[in-house]
Amino acid sequence: AIGVPLFGWWSIVLTIAAFVIAAFFALQPNIRSFDVAAGKDVIELGDTTKLLWDVSPFATRLSISNVDDPITRGQFSETVAPEKSTTYELVSGNWLSGMFGLDQKEIVTVLVVPPTPQVNVFDVDETTIAKGKPINVRWSVKEADEAFLTIDEVVYPLTPEEFSGERE
């Protein structure tokens, strides 16, 4: 009597195919997270923020668009100081994902807003005055596009040269 093998050639092929497919998915350079530091996705011009990421150990190629420094394999953050609102794209890959064009990608955006205007000084030379008596007013404004000074209900627009000044 001719014996029938316990496992036929088709079961061996299916087992090998299942193993290859499982290995393919297990070895993917997954991006577990890609974020901006808490509360720092909107920053003022001139400020910095930190990009944070976590990738699988199988990611051997990492890059982030709009970042000048190369990203290394053991690196998990990068400090950036964008001059305008910027979208960053993290690309994670390895030889397998590169061979099949399956690199993983995630994006985050940092919104850059103009600095908050500040009134650094607003001072008068007298704390009590008599009606009709002139007083001196001093002021200094920073990070503003325009400024106004109101005296006796009359509004005076200030030129940028007058953002720091004094009037009687």
C-alpha atoms as a PDB file:
ATOM      1  CA  ALA A   1       0.000   0.000   0.000  1.00  0.00           C
ATOM      2  CA  ILE A   2       1.188   3.434  -0.904  1.00  0.00           C
ATOM      3  CA  GLY A   3       1.198   5.817   2.008  1.00  0.00           C
ATOM      4  CA  VAL A   4      -0.211   9.291   1.730  1.00  0.00           C
ATOM      5  CA  PRO A   5       2.001  11.942   3.339  1.00  0.00           C
ATOM      6  CA  LEU A   6       0.513  13.563   6.382  1.00  0.00           C
ATOM      7  CA  PHE A   7       1.234  17.014   4.900  1.00  0.00           C
ATOM      8  CA  GLY A   8       0.847  17.468   1.175  1.00  0.00           C
ATOM      9  CA  TRP A   9       2.914  19.835  -0.933  1.00  0.00           C
ATOM     10  CA  TRP A  10       0.053  22.353  -0.952  1.00  0.00           C
ATOM     11  CA  SER A  11       0.004  22.567   2.845  1.00  0.00           C
ATOM     12  CA  ILE A  12       3.767  23.175   2.892  1.00  0.00           C
ATOM     13  CA  VAL A  13       3.422  25.941   0.268  1.00  0.00           C
ATOM     14  CA  LEU A  14       0.536  27.543   2.174  1.00  0.00           C
ATOM     15  CA  THR A  15       2.513  27.423   5.434  1.00  0.00           C
ATOM     16  CA  ILE A  16       5.533  29.066   3.798  1.00  0.00           C
ATOM     17  CA  ALA A  17       3.295  31.712   2.152  1.00  0.00           C
ATOM     18  CA  ALA A  18       1.575  32.436   5.482  1.00  0.00           C
ATOM     19  CA  PHE A  19       4.975  32.775   7.170  1.00  0.00           C
ATOM     20  CA  VAL A  20       6.253  35.152   4.450  1.00  0.00           C
ATOM     21  CA  ILE A  21       3.094  37.289   4.648  1.00  0.00           C
ATOM     22  CA  ALA A  22       3.242  37.386   8.467  1.00  0.00           C
ATOM     23  CA  ALA A  23       6.947  38.347   8.355  1.00  0.00           C
ATOM     24  CA  PHE A  24       6.176  41.041   5.769  1.00  0.00           C
ATOM     25  CA  PHE A  25       3.607  42.689   8.056  1.00  0.00           C
ATOM     26  CA  ALA A  26       5.662  42.170  11.210  1.00  0.00           C
ATOM     27  CA  LEU A  27       8.733  43.863   9.709  1.00  0.00           C
ATOM     28  CA  GLN A  28       6.924  47.037   8.612  1.00  0.00           C
ATOM     29  CA  PRO A  29       8.490  50.348   9.732  1.00  0.00           C
ATOM     30  CA  ASN A  30       5.300  51.498  11.475  1.00  0.00           C
ATOM     31  CA  ILE A  31       4.920  55.001  12.844  1.00  0.00           C
ATOM     32  CA  ARG A  32       3.346  54.593  16.262  1.00  0.00           C
ATOM     33  CA  SER A  33       3.020  58.353  16.837  1.00  0.00           C
ATOM     34  CA  PHE A  34       4.093  61.665  15.320  1.00  0.00           C
ATOM     35  CA  ASP A  35       3.058  64.776  17.263  1.00  0.00           C
ATOM     36  CA  VAL A  36       3.995  68.292  18.259  1.00  0.00           C
ATOM     37  CA  ALA A  37       4.890  68.870  21.929  1.00  0.00           C
ATOM     38  CA  ALA A  38       1.768  69.367  24.046  1.00  0.00           C
ATOM     39  CA  GLY A  39       0.281  72.815  23.599  1.00  0.00           C
ATOM     40  CA  LYS A  40       2.958  73.928  21.142  1.00  0.00           C
ATOM     41  CA  ASP A  41       1.266  73.322  17.765  1.00  0.00           C
ATOM     42  CA  VAL A  42       0.524  77.082  17.581  1.00  0.00           C
ATOM     43  CA  ILE A  43       3.565  79.248  18.301  1.00  0.00           C
ATOM     44  CA  GLU A  44       4.534  82.888  17.957  1.00  0.00           C
ATOM     45  CA  LEU A  45       7.064  83.856  15.316  1.00  0.00           C
ATOM     46  CA  GLY A  46      10.527  83.390  16.821  1.00  0.00           C
ATOM     47  CA  ASP A  47       9.478  80.648  19.251  1.00  0.00           C
ATOM     48  CA  THR A  48      10.460  76.982  19.040  1.00  0.00           C
ATOM     49  CA  THR A  49       8.539  73.760  19.389  1.00  0.00           C
ATOM     50  CA  LYS A  50       9.443  70.107  19.440  1.00  0.00           C
ATOM     51  CA  LEU A  51       8.402  67.369  17.017  1.00  0.00           C
ATOM     52  CA  LEU A  52       8.054  63.995  18.782  1.00  0.00           C
ATOM     53  CA  TRP A  53       7.772  60.543  17.216  1.00  0.00           C
ATOM     54  CA  ASP A  54       7.843  56.845  18.008  1.00  0.00           C
ATOM     55  CA  VAL A  55       8.529  54.275  15.287  1.00  0.00           C
ATOM     56  CA  SER A  56       8.905  50.512  15.211  1.00  0.00           C
ATOM     57  CA  PRO A  57      12.414  49.077  15.665  1.00  0.00           C
ATOM     58  CA  PHE A  58      12.315  47.929  12.028  1.00  0.00           C
ATOM     59  CA  ALA A  59      12.435  51.521  10.726  1.00  0.00           C
ATOM     60  CA  THR A  60      15.953  51.985   9.378  1.00  0.00           C
ATOM     61  CA  ARG A  61      15.290  55.069   7.220  1.00  0.00           C
ATOM     62  CA  LEU A  62      13.710  58.158   8.780  1.00  0.00           C
ATOM     63  CA  SER A  63      13.231  61.616   7.329  1.00  0.00           C
ATOM     64  CA  ILE A  64      11.142  64.672   8.118  1.00  0.00           C
ATOM     65  CA  SER A  65      10.307  67.211   5.434  1.00  0.00           C
ATOM     66  CA  ASN A  66      11.212  70.845   6.167  1.00  0.00           C
ATOM     67  CA  VAL A  67      13.869  69.787   8.716  1.00  0.00           C
ATOM     68  CA  ASP A  68      17.456  70.504   7.698  1.00  0.00           C
ATOM     69  CA  ASP A  69      19.182  68.047  10.045  1.00  0.00           C
ATOM     70  CA  PRO A  70      19.242  64.359   9.135  1.00  0.00           C
ATOM     71  CA  ILE A  71      17.173  62.161  11.446  1.00  0.00           C
ATOM     72  CA  THR A  72      19.011  59.264  13.062  1.00  0.00           C
ATOM     73  CA  ARG A  73      17.573  55.886  13.973  1.00  0.00           C
ATOM     74  CA  GLY A  74      17.719  56.368  17.763  1.00  0.00           C
ATOM     75  CA  GLN A  75      16.345  59.916  17.643  1.00  0.00           C
ATOM     76  CA  PHE A  76      12.800  60.545  18.907  1.00  0.00           C
ATOM     77  CA  SER A  77      12.486  64.361  18.793  1.00  0.00           C
ATOM     78  CA  GLU A  78      13.635  67.449  16.917  1.00  0.00           C
ATOM     79  CA  THR A  79      13.355  71.106  17.944  1.00  0.00           C
ATOM     80  CA  VAL A  80      12.153  73.394  15.152  1.00  0.00           C
ATOM     81  CA  ALA A  81      11.710  77.162  14.825  1.00  0.00           C
ATOM     82  CA  PRO A  82       9.608  77.687  11.698  1.00  0.00           C
ATOM     83  CA  GLU A  83       9.389  81.187  10.231  1.00  0.00           C
ATOM     84  CA  LYS A  84       5.899  80.509   8.841  1.00  0.00           C
ATOM     85  CA  SER A  85       3.186  77.899   9.322  1.00  0.00           C
ATOM     86  CA  THR A  86       4.730  74.593   8.267  1.00  0.00           C
ATOM     87  CA  THR A  87       3.580  71.032   7.649  1.00  0.00           C
ATOM     88  CA  TYR A  88       6.093  68.339   8.552  1.00  0.00           C
ATOM     89  CA  GLU A  89       5.936  64.823   7.071  1.00  0.00           C
ATOM     90  CA  LEU A  90       7.671  61.932   8.817  1.00  0.00           C
ATOM     91  CA  VAL A  91       8.639  59.101   6.459  1.00  0.00           C
ATOM     92  CA  SER A  92       9.633  55.773   7.989  1.00  0.00           C
ATOM     93  CA  GLY A  93      11.048  52.965   5.879  1.00  0.00           C
ATOM     94  CA  ASN A  94      13.328  49.975   5.581  1.00  0.00           C
ATOM     95  CA  TRP A  95      14.614  47.813   2.724  1.00  0.00           C
ATOM     96  CA  LEU A  96      11.389  45.803   2.568  1.00  0.00           C
ATOM     97  CA  SER A  97       9.017  48.758   2.531  1.00  0.00           C
ATOM     98  CA  GLY A  98      11.284  50.528   0.049  1.00  0.00           C
ATOM     99  CA  MET A  99      11.266  47.517  -2.278  1.00  0.00           C
ATOM    100  CA  PHE A 100       7.460  47.547  -2.415  1.00  0.00           C
ATOM    101  CA  GLY A 101       6.963  51.328  -2.123  1.00  0.00           C
ATOM    102  CA  LEU A 102       5.214  50.963   1.239  1.00  0.00           C
ATOM    103  CA  ASP A 103       7.080  53.498   3.383  1.00  0.00           C
ATOM    104  CA  GLN A 104       4.897  54.791   6.236  1.00  0.00           C
ATOM    105  CA  LYS A 105       4.023  58.518   6.347  1.00  0.00           C
ATOM    106  CA  GLU A 106       2.424  60.826   8.926  1.00  0.00           C
ATOM    107  CA  ILE A 107       2.032  64.619   8.955  1.00  0.00           C
ATOM    108  CA  VAL A 108       1.724  67.341  11.591  1.00  0.00           C
ATOM    109  CA  THR A 109       1.331  71.090  11.148  1.00  0.00           C
ATOM    110  CA  VAL A 110       2.774  73.893  13.254  1.00  0.00           C
ATOM    111  CA  LEU A 111       0.876  77.174  12.962  1.00  0.00           C
ATOM    112  CA  VAL A 112       3.050  80.289  13.329  1.00  0.00           C
ATOM    113  CA  VAL A 113       1.287  83.487  14.395  1.00  0.00           C
ATOM    114  CA  PRO A 114       2.665  87.022  14.748  1.00  0.00           C
ATOM    115  CA  PRO A 115       4.051  87.901  18.176  1.00  0.00           C
ATOM    116  CA  THR A 116       1.577  89.362  20.670  1.00  0.00           C
ATOM    117  CA  PRO A 117       1.772  93.166  20.787  1.00  0.00           C
ATOM    118  CA  GLN A 118       2.954  94.510  24.137  1.00  0.00           C
ATOM    119  CA  VAL A 119       2.654  97.852  25.877  1.00  0.00           C
ATOM    120  CA  ASN A 120       5.946  97.964  27.775  1.00  0.00           C
ATOM    121  CA  VAL A 121       5.520 101.440  29.246  1.00  0.00           C
ATOM    122  CA  PHE A 122       2.513 103.684  29.741  1.00  0.00           C
ATOM    123  CA  ASP A 123       3.276 106.309  32.343  1.00  0.00           C
ATOM    124  CA  VAL A 124       2.231 109.803  33.363  1.00  0.00           C
ATOM    125  CA  ASP A 125       4.434 112.209  35.340  1.00  0.00           C
ATOM    126  CA  GLU A 126       1.713 113.164  37.869  1.00  0.00           C
ATOM    127  CA  THR A 127      -0.577 110.938  39.899  1.00  0.00           C
ATOM    128  CA  THR A 128      -3.043 113.740  40.667  1.00  0.00           C
ATOM    129  CA  ILE A 129      -3.719 116.675  38.405  1.00  0.00           C
ATOM    130  CA  ALA A 130      -5.792 119.834  38.359  1.00  0.00           C
ATOM    131  CA  LYS A 131      -8.178 120.367  35.491  1.00  0.00           C
ATOM    132  CA  GLY A 132      -6.450 122.122  32.623  1.00  0.00           C
ATOM    133  CA  LYS A 133      -2.940 121.464  33.950  1.00  0.00           C
ATOM    134  CA  PRO A 134      -0.761 119.693  31.341  1.00  0.00           C
ATOM    135  CA  ILE A 135       0.932 116.370  32.123  1.00  0.00           C
ATOM    136  CA  ASN A 136       3.554 114.352  30.306  1.00  0.00           C
ATOM    137  CA  VAL A 137       2.621 110.917  28.965  1.00  0.00           C
ATOM    138  CA  ARG A 138       5.292 108.333  28.082  1.00  0.00           C
ATOM    139  CA  TRP A 139       4.725 105.052  26.241  1.00  0.00           C
ATOM    140  CA  SER A 140       6.527 102.205  24.558  1.00  0.00           C
ATOM    141  CA  VAL A 141       4.869  99.594  22.355  1.00  0.00           C
ATOM    142  CA  LYS A 142       6.565  96.473  21.000  1.00  0.00           C
ATOM    143  CA  GLU A 143       5.595  93.846  18.389  1.00  0.00           C
ATOM    144  CA  ALA A 144       2.707  95.947  17.036  1.00  0.00           C
ATOM    145  CA  ASP A 145       1.720  96.787  13.479  1.00  0.00           C
ATOM    146  CA  GLU A 146      -0.189  99.881  14.542  1.00  0.00           C
ATOM    147  CA  ALA A 147      -0.746 101.877  17.715  1.00  0.00           C
ATOM    148  CA  PHE A 148      -3.037 104.722  18.775  1.00  0.00           C
ATOM    149  CA  LEU A 149      -2.875 107.281  21.563  1.00  0.00           C
ATOM    150  CA  THR A 150      -6.156 108.782  22.810  1.00  0.00           C
ATOM    151  CA  ILE A 151      -5.987 112.178  24.564  1.00  0.00           C
ATOM    152  CA  ASP A 152      -9.183 114.020  25.557  1.00  0.00           C
ATOM    153  CA  GLU A 153     -11.207 111.623  23.388  1.00  0.00           C
ATOM    154  CA  VAL A 154      -9.081 112.480  20.334  1.00  0.00           C
ATOM    155  CA  VAL A 155      -7.399 109.444  18.725  1.00  0.00           C
ATOM    156  CA  TYR A 156      -3.895 109.962  17.372  1.00  0.00           C
ATOM    157  CA  PRO A 157      -2.464 107.216  15.143  1.00  0.00           C
ATOM    158  CA  LEU A 158       1.228 106.616  15.900  1.00  0.00           C
ATOM    159  CA  THR A 159       3.807 105.903  13.217  1.00  0.00           C
ATOM    160  CA  PRO A 160       6.248 103.035  13.904  1.00  0.00           C
ATOM    161  CA  GLU A 161       8.860 105.667  14.790  1.00  0.00           C
ATOM    162  CA  GLU A 162       6.480 106.939  17.499  1.00  0.00           C
ATOM    163  CA  PHE A 163       5.868 103.508  19.118  1.00  0.00           C
ATOM    164  CA  SER A 164       8.149 104.767  21.872  1.00  0.00           C
ATOM    165  CA  GLY A 165       7.579 108.360  22.768  1.00  0.00           C
ATOM    166  CA  GLU A 166       6.424 111.159  25.024  1.00  0.00           C
ATOM    167  CA  ARG A 167       3.774 113.915  24.750  1.00  0.00           C
ATOM    168  CA  GLU A 168       2.451 116.744  26.864  1.00  0.00           C
END
